[in-house]
Amino acid sequence: MHGESASAAGEALLRRLRRLVARAATVGSSDRKQLLALIDDFEMVRRGLLRECAEIEGQMKQATARTTAIGAYLRSSQAGRGKPHN
């Protein structure tokens, strides 16, 4: 299922972010190459997380639209079962 693979991708990005934070704690402020590499890695993870957030937002909008449609269908089906007026 697509949702499961997206969830796995998001979890992998979060694990990578945790590793980057731990690595950043060990890098000295004078090690310019390491710092630049870390900044690049952080930016890559940030972009990946933003993509995941956008995908989740799209799924939430789709679920909201479906819920609204189901509610409208339910109301119209219940209105059709009402007692006839005399």
C-alpha atoms as a PDB file:
ATOM      1  CA  MET A   1       0.000   0.000   0.000  1.00  0.00           C
ATOM      2  CA  HIS A   2       1.256   3.511  -0.820  1.00  0.00           C
ATOM      3  CA  GLY A   3       0.551   4.903   2.655  1.00  0.00           C
ATOM      4  CA  GLU A   4       2.751   2.264   4.269  1.00  0.00           C
ATOM      5  CA  SER A   5       5.680   2.989   1.962  1.00  0.00           C
ATOM      6  CA  ALA A   6       5.286   6.737   2.573  1.00  0.00           C
ATOM      7  CA  SER A   7       5.257   6.092   6.307  1.00  0.00           C
ATOM      8  CA  ALA A   8       8.399   3.977   6.010  1.00  0.00           C
ATOM      9  CA  ALA A   9      10.091   6.724   3.982  1.00  0.00           C
ATOM     10  CA  GLY A  10       9.141   9.315   6.600  1.00  0.00           C
ATOM     11  CA  GLU A  11      10.463   7.119   9.402  1.00  0.00           C
ATOM     12  CA  ALA A  12      13.742   6.627   7.502  1.00  0.00           C
ATOM     13  CA  LEU A  13      14.094  10.395   7.102  1.00  0.00           C
ATOM     14  CA  LEU A  14      13.513  10.940  10.823  1.00  0.00           C
ATOM     15  CA  ARG A  15      16.105   8.272  11.697  1.00  0.00           C
ATOM     16  CA  ARG A  16      18.566   9.961   9.333  1.00  0.00           C
ATOM     17  CA  LEU A  17      17.827  13.318  10.966  1.00  0.00           C
ATOM     18  CA  ARG A  18      18.572  11.867  14.408  1.00  0.00           C
ATOM     19  CA  ARG A  19      21.890  10.483  13.142  1.00  0.00           C
ATOM     20  CA  LEU A  20      22.766  13.870  11.629  1.00  0.00           C
ATOM     21  CA  VAL A  21      22.032  15.650  14.896  1.00  0.00           C
ATOM     22  CA  ALA A  22      24.257  13.197  16.755  1.00  0.00           C
ATOM     23  CA  ARG A  23      26.999  13.659  14.162  1.00  0.00           C
ATOM     24  CA  ALA A  24      26.679  17.442  14.377  1.00  0.00           C
ATOM     25  CA  ALA A  25      27.281  17.290  18.111  1.00  0.00           C
ATOM     26  CA  THR A  26      30.707  15.722  17.529  1.00  0.00           C
ATOM     27  CA  VAL A  27      31.944  18.020  14.756  1.00  0.00           C
ATOM     28  CA  GLY A  28      34.250  20.816  15.806  1.00  0.00           C
ATOM     29  CA  SER A  29      33.425  24.362  14.775  1.00  0.00           C
ATOM     30  CA  SER A  30      36.767  24.655  12.976  1.00  0.00           C
ATOM     31  CA  ASP A  31      36.089  21.689  10.653  1.00  0.00           C
ATOM     32  CA  ARG A  32      34.634  23.628   7.715  1.00  0.00           C
ATOM     33  CA  LYS A  33      34.368  20.649   5.332  1.00  0.00           C
ATOM     34  CA  GLN A  34      32.437  18.556   7.850  1.00  0.00           C
ATOM     35  CA  LEU A  35      30.128  21.467   8.663  1.00  0.00           C
ATOM     36  CA  LEU A  36      29.384  22.106   4.983  1.00  0.00           C
ATOM     37  CA  ALA A  37      28.681  18.418   4.449  1.00  0.00           C
ATOM     38  CA  LEU A  38      26.339  18.424   7.461  1.00  0.00           C
ATOM     39  CA  ILE A  39      24.490  21.484   6.189  1.00  0.00           C
ATOM     40  CA  ASP A  40      24.020  19.784   2.830  1.00  0.00           C
ATOM     41  CA  ASP A  41      22.771  16.585   4.500  1.00  0.00           C
ATOM     42  CA  PHE A  42      20.380  18.526   6.741  1.00  0.00           C
ATOM     43  CA  GLU A  43      19.001  20.383   3.726  1.00  0.00           C
ATOM     44  CA  MET A  44      18.436  17.125   1.850  1.00  0.00           C
ATOM     45  CA  VAL A  45      16.565  15.615   4.804  1.00  0.00           C
ATOM     46  CA  ARG A  46      14.556  18.826   5.235  1.00  0.00           C
ATOM     47  CA  ARG A  47      13.428  18.725   1.595  1.00  0.00           C
ATOM     48  CA  GLY A  48      12.480  15.058   1.951  1.00  0.00           C
ATOM     49  CA  LEU A  49      10.433  15.768   5.067  1.00  0.00           C
ATOM     50  CA  LEU A  50       8.699  18.679   3.328  1.00  0.00           C
ATOM     51  CA  ARG A  51       7.740  16.331   0.469  1.00  0.00           C
ATOM     52  CA  GLU A  52       6.358  13.824   2.969  1.00  0.00           C
ATOM     53  CA  CYS A  53       4.375  16.585   4.721  1.00  0.00           C
ATOM     54  CA  ALA A  54       2.911  17.741   1.404  1.00  0.00           C
ATOM     55  CA  GLU A  55       1.892  14.175   0.559  1.00  0.00           C
ATOM     56  CA  ILE A  56       0.234  13.707   3.936  1.00  0.00           C
ATOM     57  CA  GLU A  57      -1.570  17.026   3.534  1.00  0.00           C
ATOM     58  CA  GLY A  58      -2.896  15.872   0.162  1.00  0.00           C
ATOM     59  CA  GLN A  59      -4.094  12.606   1.681  1.00  0.00           C
ATOM     60  CA  MET A  60      -5.833  14.503   4.477  1.00  0.00           C
ATOM     61  CA  LYS A  61      -7.615  16.775   1.977  1.00  0.00           C
ATOM     62  CA  GLN A  62      -8.722  13.740   0.003  1.00  0.00           C
ATOM     63  CA  ALA A  63     -10.013  12.042   3.172  1.00  0.00           C
ATOM     64  CA  THR A  64     -11.900  15.223   4.144  1.00  0.00           C
ATOM     65  CA  ALA A  65     -13.535  15.391   0.709  1.00  0.00           C
ATOM     66  CA  ARG A  66     -14.544  11.728   0.947  1.00  0.00           C
ATOM     67  CA  THR A  67     -15.965  12.250   4.445  1.00  0.00           C
ATOM     68  CA  THR A  68     -17.989  15.215   3.208  1.00  0.00           C
ATOM     69  CA  ALA A  69     -19.307  13.192   0.255  1.00  0.00           C
ATOM     70  CA  ILE A  70     -20.246  10.265   2.507  1.00  0.00           C
ATOM     71  CA  GLY A  71     -22.085  12.617   4.865  1.00  0.00           C
ATOM     72  CA  ALA A  72     -24.010  14.174   1.970  1.00  0.00           C
ATOM     73  CA  TYR A  73     -24.911  10.738   0.638  1.00  0.00           C
ATOM     74  CA  LEU A  74     -26.065   9.645   4.099  1.00  0.00           C
ATOM     75  CA  ARG A  75     -28.246  12.742   4.555  1.00  0.00           C
ATOM     76  CA  SER A  76     -29.845  12.324   1.132  1.00  0.00           C
ATOM     77  CA  SER A  77     -30.510   8.631   1.687  1.00  0.00           C
ATOM     78  CA  GLN A  78     -32.126   9.328   5.065  1.00  0.00           C
ATOM     79  CA  ALA A  79     -34.254  12.096   3.596  1.00  0.00           C
ATOM     80  CA  GLY A  80     -35.622   9.652   1.041  1.00  0.00           C
ATOM     81  CA  ARG A  81     -36.790   7.291   3.794  1.00  0.00           C
ATOM     82  CA  GLY A  82     -38.811   9.922   5.637  1.00  0.00           C
ATOM     83  CA  LYS A  83     -42.514   9.435   6.300  1.00  0.00           C
ATOM     84  CA  PRO A  84     -44.793  10.858   3.627  1.00  0.00           C
ATOM     85  CA  HIS A  85     -46.660  13.997   4.651  1.00  0.00           C
ATOM     86  CA  ASN A  86     -50.477  13.762   4.751  1.00  0.00           C
END
